[in-house]
Protein backbone atom coordinates (compact mmCIF):
# COMPACT_ATOMS: atom_id res chain seq x y z
CA UNK A 1 96.87 83.16 63.36
CA UNK A 2 94.55 81.95 60.60
CA UNK A 3 91.04 80.85 61.45
CA UNK A 4 91.68 77.48 59.80
CA UNK A 5 93.89 76.52 62.77
CA UNK A 6 91.10 77.22 65.28
CA UNK A 7 88.89 74.53 66.70
CA UNK A 8 85.46 75.18 68.17
CA UNK A 9 83.42 72.81 70.33
CA UNK A 10 79.67 73.53 70.22
CA UNK A 11 77.73 71.91 73.09
CA UNK A 12 73.95 71.72 72.78
CA UNK A 13 71.41 68.94 73.42
CA UNK A 14 69.66 70.00 70.17
CA UNK A 15 72.84 70.10 68.16
CA UNK A 16 71.15 68.78 65.01
CA UNK A 17 69.10 71.95 64.83
CA UNK A 18 72.25 74.02 64.56
CA UNK A 19 73.60 72.49 61.34
CA UNK A 20 73.22 75.70 59.29
CA UNK A 21 75.23 77.66 61.94
CA UNK A 22 77.98 74.98 61.92
CA UNK A 23 78.22 75.05 58.13
CA UNK A 24 78.50 78.84 58.21
CA UNK A 25 81.41 78.66 60.73
CA UNK A 26 83.13 75.95 58.66
CA UNK A 27 82.87 78.17 55.59
CA UNK A 28 84.63 80.88 57.62
CA UNK A 29 87.56 78.49 58.13
CA UNK A 30 86.84 77.11 61.63
CA UNK A 31 86.89 73.42 62.49
CA UNK A 32 83.72 72.70 64.51
CA UNK A 33 83.27 69.71 66.78
CA UNK A 34 79.92 68.99 68.43
CA UNK A 35 78.69 67.41 71.69
CA UNK A 36 75.05 66.68 72.50
CA UNK A 37 75.43 67.20 76.22
CA UNK A 38 77.70 68.22 79.07
CA UNK A 39 79.06 64.75 79.75
CA UNK A 40 80.02 64.23 76.14
CA UNK A 41 81.62 67.70 76.00
CA UNK A 42 83.85 66.97 79.02
CA UNK A 43 84.96 63.71 77.43
CA UNK A 44 85.79 65.44 74.14
CA UNK A 45 87.83 68.06 76.00
CA UNK A 46 89.77 65.34 77.82
CA UNK A 47 90.66 63.71 74.49
CA UNK A 48 91.59 66.76 72.36
CA UNK A 49 92.24 70.48 72.55
CA UNK A 50 89.89 73.23 71.41
CA UNK A 51 90.34 77.00 71.11
CA UNK A 52 86.80 77.92 72.24
CA UNK A 53 83.61 76.33 73.53
CA UNK A 54 80.04 77.40 72.65
CA UNK A 55 77.90 76.15 75.55
CA UNK A 56 74.10 75.90 75.79
CA UNK A 57 72.88 76.93 79.21
CA UNK A 58 69.71 74.77 79.34
CA UNK A 59 70.46 71.11 78.59
CA UNK A 60 69.07 67.79 79.75
CA UNK A 61 71.39 65.94 82.14
CA UNK A 62 74.39 68.08 83.04
CA UNK A 63 73.27 71.71 82.61
CA UNK A 64 75.39 74.54 81.24
CA UNK A 65 76.68 75.97 84.52
CA UNK A 66 77.69 72.54 85.84
CA UNK A 67 79.40 71.81 82.50
CA UNK A 68 81.16 75.18 82.72
CA UNK A 69 82.57 74.23 86.11
CA UNK A 70 83.91 70.95 84.73
CA UNK A 71 85.44 72.70 81.74
CA UNK A 72 87.20 75.24 83.91
CA UNK A 73 88.63 72.50 86.10
CA UNK A 74 90.07 70.84 82.96
CA UNK A 75 91.39 74.02 81.40
CA UNK A 76 90.95 77.29 83.31
CA UNK A 77 92.14 79.36 80.35
CA UNK A 78 89.76 77.89 77.72
CA UNK A 79 87.33 80.62 76.52
CA UNK A 80 83.63 79.77 76.81
CA UNK A 81 80.64 81.57 75.23
CA UNK A 82 77.33 80.79 76.97
CA UNK A 83 74.25 80.50 74.72
CA UNK A 84 70.99 81.00 76.69
CA UNK A 85 67.33 81.85 76.41
CA UNK A 86 67.39 83.67 79.72
CA UNK A 87 68.21 87.30 80.24
CA UNK A 88 68.09 87.09 84.06
CA UNK A 89 70.80 89.19 85.70
CA UNK A 90 71.37 86.57 88.44
CA UNK A 91 72.14 83.86 85.90
CA UNK A 92 74.56 86.16 84.07
CA UNK A 93 76.30 87.12 87.31
CA UNK A 94 76.65 83.45 88.24
CA UNK A 95 78.13 82.56 84.86
CA UNK A 96 80.44 85.56 84.84
CA UNK A 97 81.66 84.67 88.30
CA UNK A 98 82.69 81.34 86.88
CA UNK A 99 84.72 83.16 84.13
CA UNK A 100 82.38 83.06 81.11
CA UNK A 101 83.90 85.08 78.26
CA UNK A 102 80.67 86.19 76.55
CA UNK A 103 76.94 85.70 76.36
CA UNK A 104 74.64 85.12 73.38
CA UNK A 105 70.86 85.30 73.80
CA UNK A 106 68.73 82.86 71.73
CA UNK A 107 67.71 82.84 69.01
CA UNK A 108 71.20 83.49 67.60
CA UNK A 109 72.15 84.24 64.04
CA UNK A 110 75.24 82.66 62.43
CA UNK A 111 76.86 86.06 62.03
CA UNK A 112 76.41 86.80 65.78
CA UNK A 113 78.16 83.56 66.70
CA UNK A 114 80.96 84.29 64.19
CA UNK A 115 81.57 87.80 65.49
CA UNK A 116 81.65 86.59 69.12
CA UNK A 117 84.20 83.92 68.30
CA UNK A 118 86.34 86.33 66.26
CA UNK A 119 86.23 88.99 68.97
CA UNK A 120 87.43 86.59 71.67
CA UNK A 121 90.05 84.74 69.65
CA UNK A 122 91.45 87.82 68.01
CA UNK A 123 91.50 89.53 71.38
CA UNK A 124 93.43 86.60 72.83
CA UNK A 125 95.95 86.79 70.03
CA UNK A 126 96.55 90.47 70.86
CA UNK A 127 96.88 89.58 74.50
CA UNK A 128 99.41 86.84 73.66
CA UNK A 129 101.45 89.32 71.65
CA UNK A 130 101.32 91.80 74.52
CA UNK A 131 102.22 89.05 76.97
CA UNK A 132 105.25 88.05 74.91
CA UNK A 133 106.48 91.66 74.87
CA UNK A 134 105.91 92.02 78.67
CA UNK A 135 107.69 88.78 79.33
CA UNK A 136 110.68 89.73 77.20
CA UNK A 137 111.11 92.90 79.30
CA UNK A 138 110.67 90.99 82.58
CA UNK A 139 112.96 88.20 81.43
CA UNK A 140 115.83 90.61 80.82
CA UNK A 141 115.35 92.21 84.19
CA UNK A 142 115.09 88.93 86.11
CA UNK A 143 118.11 87.40 84.34
CA UNK A 144 120.18 90.51 85.12
CA UNK A 145 119.22 90.33 88.81
CA UNK A 146 119.91 86.61 89.04
CA UNK A 147 123.44 86.97 87.63
CA UNK A 148 124.21 89.84 90.02
CA UNK A 149 124.67 89.93 93.83
CA UNK A 150 121.49 88.71 95.50
CA UNK A 151 120.31 88.63 99.13
CA UNK A 152 117.55 86.55 100.67
CA UNK A 153 114.91 89.25 100.05
CA UNK A 154 116.01 89.50 96.41
CA UNK A 155 115.54 85.76 95.93
CA UNK A 156 112.01 85.93 97.36
CA UNK A 157 111.16 88.80 95.01
CA UNK A 158 112.62 87.04 91.96
CA UNK A 159 111.00 83.71 92.70
CA UNK A 160 107.57 85.19 93.45
CA UNK A 161 107.73 87.05 90.12
CA UNK A 162 108.67 83.84 88.36
CA UNK A 163 105.71 82.06 89.96
CA UNK A 164 103.37 84.84 88.83
CA UNK A 165 104.64 84.24 85.30
CA UNK A 166 104.11 80.50 85.69
CA UNK A 167 100.42 81.17 86.32
CA UNK A 168 100.23 83.79 83.57
CA UNK A 169 101.83 81.46 80.99
CA UNK A 170 99.31 78.72 82.02
CA UNK A 171 96.56 80.92 80.59
CA UNK A 172 98.18 81.33 77.14
CA UNK A 173 99.74 78.06 76.20
CA UNK A 174 102.75 79.40 74.29
CA UNK A 175 105.42 76.63 74.00
CA UNK A 176 108.15 79.10 73.10
CA UNK A 177 107.59 81.35 76.14
CA UNK A 178 107.17 78.30 78.35
CA UNK A 179 110.55 76.93 77.26
CA UNK A 180 112.22 80.31 77.76
CA UNK A 181 110.73 80.53 81.25
CA UNK A 182 111.86 77.00 82.09
CA UNK A 183 115.40 77.86 81.01
CA UNK A 184 115.31 80.96 83.24
CA UNK A 185 114.13 78.82 86.18
CA UNK A 186 117.02 76.39 85.64
CA UNK A 187 119.54 79.23 85.54
CA UNK A 188 118.05 80.74 88.69
CA UNK A 189 118.36 77.44 90.58
CA UNK A 190 122.04 77.16 89.60
CA UNK A 191 122.74 80.51 91.21
CA UNK A 192 120.40 79.89 94.14
CA UNK A 193 122.20 76.64 94.97
CA UNK A 194 125.54 78.52 95.15
CA UNK A 195 123.93 81.21 97.29
CA UNK A 196 122.50 78.76 99.83
CA UNK A 197 125.79 76.88 100.21
CA UNK A 198 127.47 80.21 101.03
CA UNK A 199 124.91 81.60 103.52
CA UNK A 200 123.00 78.76 105.08
CA UNK A 201 125.47 78.12 107.91
CA UNK A 202 125.28 81.79 108.92
CA UNK A 203 121.47 81.72 108.89
CA UNK A 204 121.00 78.75 111.21
CA UNK A 205 123.70 80.06 113.60
CA UNK A 206 122.21 83.58 113.67
CA UNK A 207 125.28 85.24 112.24
CA UNK A 208 124.00 88.45 110.72
CA UNK A 209 120.60 89.22 109.17
CA UNK A 210 118.60 86.22 108.02
CA UNK A 211 115.11 85.46 106.65
CA UNK A 212 112.29 83.74 108.52
CA UNK A 213 113.05 80.00 108.72
CA UNK A 214 110.88 77.00 109.58
CA UNK A 215 111.73 77.43 113.29
CA UNK A 216 110.25 80.99 113.28
CA UNK A 217 106.76 80.43 111.85
CA UNK A 218 104.84 79.69 115.06
CA UNK A 219 106.61 82.50 116.98
CA UNK A 220 106.04 85.03 114.19
CA UNK A 221 102.46 84.25 113.05
CA UNK A 222 100.67 82.06 115.56
CA UNK A 223 101.86 82.86 119.07
CA UNK A 224 100.96 86.59 119.01
CA UNK A 225 97.39 85.77 117.95
CA UNK A 226 96.93 83.16 120.64
CA UNK A 227 98.22 85.62 123.23
CA UNK A 228 95.67 88.15 121.91
CA UNK A 229 92.94 85.49 122.56
CA UNK A 230 92.14 84.96 118.88
CA UNK A 231 90.85 81.56 117.75
CA UNK A 232 93.51 80.20 115.40
CA UNK A 233 93.73 77.27 112.99
CA UNK A 234 97.31 76.40 112.00
CA UNK A 235 97.08 74.46 108.76
CA UNK A 236 100.09 72.75 107.23
CA UNK A 237 99.67 71.35 103.71
CA UNK A 238 102.55 68.97 103.24
CA UNK A 239 104.73 69.43 100.16
CA UNK A 240 102.86 72.48 98.77
CA UNK A 241 104.92 74.76 96.54
CA UNK A 242 104.39 78.47 96.19
CA UNK A 243 102.95 78.09 92.65
CA UNK A 244 100.43 75.52 94.00
CA UNK A 245 99.35 77.93 96.72
CA UNK A 246 98.99 80.92 94.37
CA UNK A 247 96.74 78.81 92.09
CA UNK A 248 94.48 78.03 95.09
CA UNK A 249 94.17 81.61 96.40
CA UNK A 250 91.28 82.62 94.04
CA UNK A 251 89.16 79.80 95.46
CA UNK A 252 89.55 81.15 99.03
CA UNK A 253 89.43 84.91 98.39
CA UNK A 254 85.60 85.02 98.61
CA UNK A 255 85.87 83.93 102.24
CA UNK A 256 89.10 85.47 103.53
CA UNK A 257 91.25 88.58 103.38
CA UNK A 258 94.58 86.89 102.61
CA UNK A 259 98.02 88.34 103.35
CA UNK A 260 100.91 86.27 101.85
CA UNK A 261 104.23 86.05 103.61
CA UNK A 262 107.31 84.04 102.68
CA UNK A 263 109.91 82.00 104.52
CA UNK A 264 112.76 79.58 103.87
CA UNK A 265 112.60 75.91 104.79
CA UNK A 266 115.51 74.53 106.76
CA UNK A 267 117.65 71.75 105.23
CA UNK A 268 117.02 69.01 104.35
CA UNK A 269 113.64 70.15 102.93
CA UNK A 270 111.94 66.99 104.15
CA UNK A 271 109.26 66.17 106.63
CA UNK A 272 111.41 64.88 109.58
CA UNK A 273 113.40 68.11 109.54
CA UNK A 274 111.27 70.97 108.20
CA UNK A 275 107.92 69.95 109.60
CA UNK A 276 109.30 69.06 113.03
CA UNK A 277 110.91 72.54 112.98
CA UNK A 278 107.50 74.12 112.34
CA UNK A 279 105.89 72.29 115.26
CA UNK A 280 108.77 72.56 117.68
CA UNK A 281 110.35 75.92 116.85
CA UNK A 282 113.66 74.14 117.17
CA UNK A 283 116.47 73.03 114.87
CA UNK A 284 116.93 69.30 114.38
CA UNK A 285 120.03 69.12 116.62
CA UNK A 286 118.03 70.78 119.43
CA UNK A 287 115.25 68.24 119.18
CA UNK A 288 117.62 65.62 120.51
CA UNK A 289 117.20 67.03 124.05
CA UNK A 290 113.37 67.09 123.89
CA UNK A 291 112.69 63.88 121.90
CA UNK A 292 115.80 61.66 122.34
CA UNK A 293 114.35 58.80 120.33
CA UNK A 294 113.66 60.93 117.27
CA UNK A 295 117.04 60.41 115.51
CA UNK A 296 117.62 56.85 116.74
CA UNK A 297 115.20 55.43 114.17
CA UNK A 298 117.00 53.46 111.47
CA UNK A 299 117.28 55.22 108.10
CA UNK A 300 114.60 53.03 106.50
CA UNK A 301 112.14 54.05 109.21
CA UNK A 302 112.54 57.76 108.69
CA UNK A 303 108.92 58.47 107.89
CA UNK A 304 108.08 57.56 111.48
CA UNK A 305 110.03 60.64 112.62
CA UNK A 306 107.00 62.93 112.26
CA UNK A 307 104.94 61.09 114.86
CA UNK A 308 105.92 63.58 117.60
CA UNK A 309 104.15 66.64 116.17
CA UNK A 310 101.50 66.89 118.90
CA UNK A 311 104.10 66.65 121.67
CA UNK A 312 106.41 69.17 119.95
CA UNK A 313 103.61 71.74 119.56
CA UNK A 314 102.59 71.39 123.21
CA UNK A 315 106.21 71.96 124.23
CA UNK A 316 106.36 75.05 122.02
CA UNK A 317 103.18 76.42 123.53
CA UNK A 318 104.72 76.00 127.00
CA UNK A 319 107.96 77.78 125.95
CA UNK A 320 105.87 80.78 124.82
CA UNK A 321 103.90 80.80 128.07
CA UNK A 322 100.60 80.07 126.29
CA UNK A 323 97.95 78.24 128.31
CA UNK A 324 94.84 77.04 126.49
CA UNK A 325 91.42 75.96 127.70
CA UNK A 326 90.31 73.65 126.20
CA UNK A 327 93.73 72.37 125.32
CA UNK A 328 95.39 72.48 121.89
CA UNK A 329 93.74 70.09 119.42
CA UNK A 330 95.94 68.31 116.85
CA UNK A 331 94.59 66.68 113.67
CA UNK A 332 96.48 64.76 110.98
CA UNK A 333 94.81 63.73 107.71
CA UNK A 334 96.31 61.07 105.39
CA UNK A 335 93.26 59.74 103.54
CA UNK A 336 89.94 60.88 102.11
CA UNK A 337 87.87 59.08 104.79
CA UNK A 338 89.82 60.89 107.50
CA UNK A 339 89.23 64.20 105.74
CA UNK A 340 85.50 63.57 105.45
CA UNK A 341 85.39 62.67 109.14
CA UNK A 342 87.16 65.91 110.10
CA UNK A 343 84.76 67.86 107.90
CA UNK A 344 81.83 66.39 109.82
CA UNK A 345 83.48 67.23 113.16
CA UNK A 346 84.34 70.86 112.39
CA UNK A 347 81.53 72.22 114.58
CA UNK A 348 83.03 70.43 117.61
CA UNK A 349 86.34 72.25 117.06
CA UNK A 350 84.69 75.64 117.43
CA UNK A 351 85.34 75.63 121.19
CA UNK A 352 89.07 74.92 120.90
CA UNK A 353 91.08 78.18 120.85
CA UNK A 354 93.87 76.55 118.87
CA UNK A 355 93.76 73.68 116.32
CA UNK A 356 96.76 72.49 114.32
CA UNK A 357 95.94 70.47 111.26
CA UNK A 358 98.34 68.59 108.94
CA UNK A 359 97.04 67.54 105.57
CA UNK A 360 99.25 65.15 103.62
CA UNK A 361 97.40 64.92 100.32
CA UNK A 362 99.75 67.07 98.15
CA UNK A 363 102.69 64.93 99.21
CA UNK A 364 100.76 61.73 98.53
CA UNK A 365 99.71 63.10 95.15
CA UNK A 366 103.32 63.84 94.27
CA UNK A 367 104.49 60.33 95.15
CA UNK A 368 101.43 58.68 93.58
CA UNK A 369 102.18 60.46 90.33
CA UNK A 370 105.62 58.76 90.26
CA UNK A 371 103.97 55.34 90.51
CA UNK A 372 100.81 55.84 88.41
CA UNK A 373 100.87 55.94 84.59
CA UNK A 374 97.40 57.51 84.62
CA UNK A 375 98.53 60.40 86.87
CA UNK A 376 101.70 60.85 84.76
CA UNK A 377 99.50 61.14 81.69
CA UNK A 378 97.15 63.59 83.42
CA UNK A 379 100.05 65.66 84.82
CA UNK A 380 103.10 65.18 82.56
CA UNK A 381 104.67 68.49 83.58
CA UNK A 382 104.55 71.26 86.19
CA UNK A 383 101.70 73.32 84.64
CA UNK A 384 99.52 70.19 84.40
CA UNK A 385 100.40 69.21 88.00
CA UNK A 386 99.35 72.69 89.15
CA UNK A 387 96.02 72.17 87.39
CA UNK A 388 95.65 68.74 89.05
CA UNK A 389 96.32 70.19 92.47
CA UNK A 390 93.82 73.03 91.88
CA UNK A 391 91.17 70.57 90.62
CA UNK A 392 91.67 68.31 93.62
CA UNK A 393 91.44 71.19 96.10
CA UNK A 394 88.26 72.65 94.66
CA UNK A 395 86.52 69.26 95.05
CA UNK A 396 88.15 68.25 98.30
CA UNK A 397 86.96 67.98 101.87
CA UNK A 398 89.85 70.33 102.73
CA UNK A 399 88.23 73.19 100.77
CA UNK A 400 85.02 72.80 102.80
CA UNK A 401 87.01 72.45 106.04
CA UNK A 402 88.78 75.79 105.42
CA UNK A 403 85.50 77.48 104.43
CA UNK A 404 84.03 76.30 107.72
CA UNK A 405 86.96 77.93 109.51
CA UNK A 406 85.88 81.22 107.94
CA UNK A 407 82.31 80.68 109.11
CA UNK A 408 83.69 80.20 112.64
CA UNK A 409 85.31 83.68 112.38
CA UNK A 410 88.67 82.07 113.07
CA UNK A 411 92.09 83.29 111.93
CA UNK A 412 93.78 80.74 109.67
CA UNK A 413 97.57 80.58 109.41
CA UNK A 414 98.17 78.33 106.42
CA UNK A 415 101.60 77.16 105.32
CA UNK A 416 103.63 74.19 104.18
CA UNK A 417 106.68 72.39 105.45
CA UNK A 418 108.61 72.13 102.14
CA UNK A 419 108.03 72.16 98.41
CA UNK A 420 109.04 69.67 95.69
CA UNK A 421 111.35 69.60 92.69
CA UNK A 422 110.80 67.83 89.40
CA UNK A 423 113.85 65.60 89.09
CA UNK A 424 115.40 65.73 85.65
CA UNK A 425 119.04 64.69 86.11
CA UNK A 426 120.65 61.82 87.98
CA UNK A 427 123.59 62.47 90.30
CA UNK A 428 125.91 59.60 91.25
CA UNK A 429 126.28 58.99 95.01
CA UNK A 430 128.27 56.38 96.97
CA UNK A 431 127.79 55.36 100.53
CA UNK A 432 127.88 52.59 103.14
CA UNK A 433 125.06 50.17 103.93
CA UNK A 434 123.66 52.58 106.55
CA UNK A 435 123.09 55.34 103.98
CA UNK A 436 119.48 56.61 103.81
CA UNK A 437 117.31 55.88 100.79
CA UNK A 438 116.02 59.44 100.02
CA UNK A 439 116.40 60.66 96.44
CA UNK A 440 117.12 64.38 97.12
CA UNK A 441 119.25 64.01 100.22
CA UNK A 442 121.31 61.30 101.89
CA UNK A 443 122.80 60.83 105.32
CA UNK A 444 125.35 58.23 106.33
CA UNK A 445 129.07 57.78 106.67
CA UNK A 446 131.73 58.19 103.96
CA UNK A 447 129.41 59.68 101.37
CA UNK A 448 130.90 60.23 97.91
CA UNK A 449 129.35 62.68 95.43
CA UNK A 450 130.06 65.46 92.98
CA UNK A 451 130.05 68.73 94.95
CA UNK A 452 128.98 70.65 91.88
CA UNK A 453 125.71 68.81 92.08
CA UNK A 454 125.59 68.46 95.86
CA UNK A 455 125.95 70.38 99.11
CA UNK A 456 128.07 67.96 101.18
CA UNK A 457 127.84 68.62 104.92
CA UNK A 458 130.79 66.97 106.65
CA UNK A 459 130.19 68.45 110.11
CA UNK A 460 126.40 68.30 110.72
CA UNK A 461 126.54 70.31 114.01
CA UNK A 462 127.78 73.32 112.03
CA UNK A 463 124.37 73.37 110.33
CA UNK A 464 122.24 72.45 113.45
CA UNK A 465 121.80 68.89 112.23
CA UNK A 466 122.05 65.78 114.42
CA UNK A 467 125.25 63.79 114.17
CA UNK A 468 124.39 60.36 115.62
CA UNK A 469 128.07 59.53 115.44
CA UNK A 470 131.41 61.07 114.51
CA UNK A 471 131.36 59.95 110.84
CA UNK A 472 127.81 61.01 109.86
CA UNK A 473 127.53 63.25 106.83
CA UNK A 474 124.66 64.77 104.80
CA UNK A 475 124.56 65.10 101.02
CA UNK A 476 121.87 67.47 99.74
CA UNK A 477 121.10 67.65 96.00
CA UNK A 478 121.07 71.01 94.26
CA UNK A 479 119.04 72.20 91.21
CA UNK A 480 117.02 69.33 89.67
CA UNK A 481 119.37 66.41 90.51
CA UNK A 482 118.30 63.21 92.23
CA UNK A 483 120.63 60.62 93.75
CA UNK A 484 121.28 57.23 92.13
CA UNK A 485 123.76 54.59 93.30
CA UNK A 486 126.31 53.17 90.83
CA UNK A 487 124.60 49.77 91.01
CA UNK A 488 121.97 49.63 88.26
CA UNK A 489 122.50 53.34 87.65
CA UNK A 490 120.64 53.51 84.31
CA UNK A 491 117.63 51.57 85.59
CA UNK A 492 117.04 53.95 88.49
CA UNK A 493 117.94 56.99 86.43
CA UNK A 494 115.01 56.16 84.11
CA UNK A 495 112.69 55.15 86.94
CA UNK A 496 112.91 58.43 88.85
CA UNK A 497 113.42 60.90 86.04
CA UNK A 498 110.41 63.22 85.85
CA UNK A 499 109.23 62.50 89.41
CA UNK A 500 108.54 65.13 92.11
CA UNK A 501 110.96 64.82 95.03
CA UNK A 502 111.94 66.89 98.07
CA UNK A 503 114.78 67.22 100.48
CA UNK A 504 117.14 69.26 98.30
CA UNK A 505 118.10 72.85 97.53
CA UNK A 506 115.92 74.62 95.02
CA UNK A 507 113.69 77.66 94.88
CA UNK A 508 110.69 75.34 94.60
CA UNK A 509 111.57 73.45 97.79
CA UNK A 510 112.92 76.25 99.98
CA UNK A 511 110.97 79.50 99.40
CA UNK A 512 107.52 78.84 100.84
CA UNK A 513 104.26 80.64 101.50
CA UNK A 514 102.79 81.39 104.90
CA UNK A 515 99.33 82.96 104.48
CA UNK A 516 97.49 84.77 107.24
CA UNK A 517 93.78 84.55 106.38
CA UNK A 518 91.21 86.69 108.21
CA UNK A 519 87.59 85.76 107.61
CA UNK A 520 85.47 88.27 105.73
CA UNK A 521 82.45 89.45 107.70
């Protein structure tokens, strides 16, 4: 890569004094942009891409470390060289902890700056070359496994490896590797859809070996700790994919020892089914006996079907013979004001041996992106959406709430109810007036769809789903399809293409994290 293609942003509140240095770099073939402060630098980075940032540590207004934090939120992989007058070890440790790539001590010579830039960018080029070679080897292995016979453990292994590569490729923005990886993900979801159609009925009916499902999470990870008299927070982040969680882990590792486990969401991968299964430990058809009104809600009122979570958790505690004093505390957060209020009340939760907390923001962010042109511009694809989720989390009340859990020496079991899929292709579906409105799954009578694109469930009870009548069926979209009716097909095809949806069959929606986090002393 020739230096003429490389762009440098130099940030200094005395930028005019550095004109000789800038001229020297331009003579070496670099394109140098300037910013006279941290605020201006952040704006420049929002508007255009740079290959490296030279950042003054002592500036009026937003100082260097604060600016560094903002830069890393925008682009975690962008290399930054800190220029400072200070040689204090504490400052260097602080900056290095925030992923500074190099230090230069003032006064600096033009040749020093040039050599630091060359060392970092040439090193990155070598790393990119090595990454491409490593990915080529991994690609061949993963593709071979995907096309061969796979069990549920194999799919977890393959998908977790693919997520690790998602995060790795985010660091080195190589369009070619990214497209290759996207093609691999699409092929994997084709085979995964076929696999789930073949085995899902056996799983939910306990025929043979099966993975952990939504109904098992409390029994497996929460109940034993409550019986051992541990204080436990059970945190459910709605609609959080595995790649989202893995991008958040570094922010929590200073406070917790984290063990990651994996499980499969039940179908449909949607809140009324998968989250109710988490809180009840029961399949949807079994909930009919405990909450008879749950499935009587009309299709358009489906989002009201998660209003029983507190009751379902209390019933599950009773089934496991767990008595708590004080009683189980349940918290649900929809909006920022509610989150801020919970953050202020965390000290009062210290006395409760068990707190379950549902945080809906990731789901809201997914749906808001579909309706907001600004969010679509900020997060046009999955890597950008991961960055948006990470940026939100690191500035959120939720981050501080979870850190407070560590301070309380509590065990945190953190999971999600389902993931989300980026819809790219429309699938035609036909149904009666009573058919539900969901984009990734439908229920109703006399459903018509292409079974290559859809898992059509004609006998719901065979899959532990409620029937509500002899003619009820479920259609669950596979891969990256979303359902559109024949009426105004092209209008809705365009409207929902590129939106995050859930309810269907995909690796992203079904294979989910469950992290057990023990506070560090």
